[in-house]
Amino acid sequence: MDDYKIITIFQTQISLSAVYFFAKIFIYIKGGYMDQQNLPGTVTNDVSVGEWIITILITALPLVGLIMLFVWAFGDGAPPSKKNWAIATLIWYAIMIVLLIVFFGVFFSIISSMFGEFNTYS
């Protein structure tokens, strides 16, 4: 009988842990997750997971995404976390553009020097 109680208690603990885990995920997705910095009665501008999904979907659109990055980075309506993310993303875009220019410059100079050597021998 004692073994049965131990197994029942163990199963109950596992099922309660699973319910707690999924409830926590649901609350987090809904944007209601609270930590020590979000005390009751305070208003925060946290961006929920759903808003991040929509934000990333918008930035995946070719021209609209770039325009929205500038709006979120330099506009007044975006929460601080989204504003900082947009600025960081624009900085990464600038770094990638510079690296692409350098890469293609080196690549085309190598190709042109190779074709220039072929023309000198003919």
Protein backbone atom coordinates (compact mmCIF):
# COMPACT_ATOMS: atom_id res chain seq x y z
CA MET A 1 0.00 0.00 0.00
CA ASP A 2 2.86 2.37 0.71
CA ASP A 3 4.31 1.82 -2.76
CA TYR A 4 0.97 2.74 -4.29
CA LYS A 5 0.87 6.03 -2.33
CA ILE A 6 4.42 6.91 -3.38
CA ILE A 7 3.63 6.24 -7.04
CA THR A 8 0.39 8.25 -6.82
CA ILE A 9 2.17 11.18 -5.18
CA PHE A 10 4.92 11.01 -7.81
CA GLN A 11 2.38 10.94 -10.67
CA THR A 12 0.46 13.85 -9.16
CA GLN A 13 3.65 15.85 -8.80
CA ILE A 14 4.59 15.21 -12.44
CA SER A 15 1.13 16.15 -13.73
CA LEU A 16 1.07 19.32 -11.61
CA SER A 17 4.52 20.25 -12.91
CA ALA A 18 3.35 19.78 -16.50
CA VAL A 19 0.22 21.89 -15.90
CA TYR A 20 2.31 24.60 -14.23
CA PHE A 21 4.81 24.53 -17.12
CA PHE A 22 2.15 24.88 -19.82
CA ALA A 23 0.26 27.52 -17.84
CA LYS A 24 3.47 29.51 -17.54
CA ILE A 25 4.07 29.26 -21.30
CA PHE A 26 0.49 30.34 -22.03
CA ILE A 27 0.77 33.35 -19.71
CA TYR A 28 4.13 34.28 -21.26
CA ILE A 29 2.74 34.12 -24.81
CA LYS A 30 -0.21 36.27 -23.83
CA GLY A 31 2.19 38.93 -22.57
CA GLY A 32 1.26 38.68 -18.93
CA TYR A 33 4.48 37.19 -17.60
CA MET A 34 5.68 38.95 -14.48
CA ASP A 35 9.13 39.00 -12.96
CA GLN A 36 10.70 40.96 -10.10
CA GLN A 37 10.88 44.14 -12.17
CA ASN A 38 7.18 44.07 -13.09
CA LEU A 39 5.56 44.65 -9.74
CA PRO A 40 1.76 44.71 -9.46
CA GLY A 41 0.35 48.09 -10.29
CA THR A 42 3.19 49.13 -12.61
CA VAL A 43 2.69 49.65 -16.30
CA THR A 44 5.31 48.25 -18.62
CA ASN A 45 5.84 48.47 -22.36
CA ASP A 46 7.03 44.91 -22.75
CA VAL A 47 6.53 43.35 -26.15
CA SER A 48 4.77 39.99 -26.01
CA VAL A 49 5.83 36.92 -27.94
CA GLY A 50 2.89 37.34 -30.30
CA GLU A 51 3.93 40.91 -31.07
CA TRP A 52 7.48 39.73 -31.76
CA ILE A 53 6.16 37.10 -34.18
CA ILE A 54 4.21 39.77 -36.06
CA THR A 55 7.21 42.13 -35.96
CA ILE A 56 9.53 39.53 -37.47
CA LEU A 57 6.90 38.66 -40.08
CA ILE A 58 6.64 42.34 -41.07
CA THR A 59 10.42 42.70 -41.33
CA ALA A 60 10.52 39.68 -43.64
CA LEU A 61 8.64 41.68 -46.28
CA PRO A 62 11.24 43.19 -48.64
CA LEU A 63 10.58 46.95 -48.72
CA VAL A 64 7.95 47.24 -46.00
CA GLY A 65 10.26 45.60 -43.47
CA LEU A 66 13.06 48.08 -44.08
CA ILE A 67 10.68 51.04 -43.82
CA MET A 68 9.19 49.66 -40.60
CA LEU A 69 12.66 49.18 -39.11
CA PHE A 70 13.30 52.89 -39.60
CA VAL A 71 9.88 53.74 -38.14
CA TRP A 72 10.46 51.58 -35.06
CA ALA A 73 14.06 52.75 -34.63
CA PHE A 74 13.50 56.48 -34.95
CA GLY A 75 9.77 56.91 -34.26
CA ASP A 76 8.18 57.70 -30.92
CA GLY A 77 5.51 54.98 -30.70
CA ALA A 78 7.63 51.84 -30.31
CA PRO A 79 8.40 50.27 -26.93
CA PRO A 80 12.05 50.57 -25.84
CA SER A 81 12.85 46.90 -26.48
CA LYS A 82 11.50 47.04 -30.03
CA LYS A 83 13.26 50.37 -30.63
CA ASN A 84 16.62 48.96 -29.50
CA TRP A 85 16.08 45.81 -31.59
CA ALA A 86 15.28 47.88 -34.68
CA ILE A 87 18.42 50.01 -34.21
CA ALA A 88 20.57 46.90 -33.74
CA THR A 89 19.03 45.31 -36.84
CA LEU A 90 19.74 48.42 -38.92
CA ILE A 91 23.35 48.41 -37.68
CA TRP A 92 23.67 44.76 -38.75
CA TYR A 93 22.20 45.63 -42.16
CA ALA A 94 24.77 48.42 -42.55
CA ILE A 95 27.62 46.07 -41.58
CA MET A 96 26.42 43.46 -44.09
CA ILE A 97 26.17 46.04 -46.88
CA VAL A 98 29.73 47.23 -46.23
CA LEU A 99 31.01 43.64 -46.15
CA LEU A 100 29.19 42.84 -49.41
CA ILE A 101 30.70 45.89 -51.11
CA VAL A 102 34.19 44.92 -49.94
CA PHE A 103 33.68 41.29 -50.96
CA PHE A 104 32.40 42.11 -54.44
CA GLY A 105 35.09 44.77 -54.90
CA VAL A 106 37.82 42.25 -54.13
CA PHE A 107 36.10 39.55 -56.20
CA PHE A 108 35.71 41.75 -59.29
CA SER A 109 39.24 43.11 -59.02
CA ILE A 110 40.59 39.54 -58.95
CA ILE A 111 38.44 38.55 -61.92
CA SER A 112 39.41 41.65 -63.89
CA SER A 113 43.11 41.11 -63.18
CA MET A 114 42.80 37.51 -64.39
CA PHE A 115 41.16 38.64 -67.65
CA GLY A 116 43.70 41.45 -67.99
CA GLU A 117 46.54 38.91 -67.92
CA PHE A 118 44.89 36.88 -70.69
CA ASN A 119 44.63 39.94 -72.91
CA THR A 120 48.31 40.88 -72.54
CA TYR A 121 49.51 37.58 -74.02
CA SER A 122 47.43 37.67 -77.17
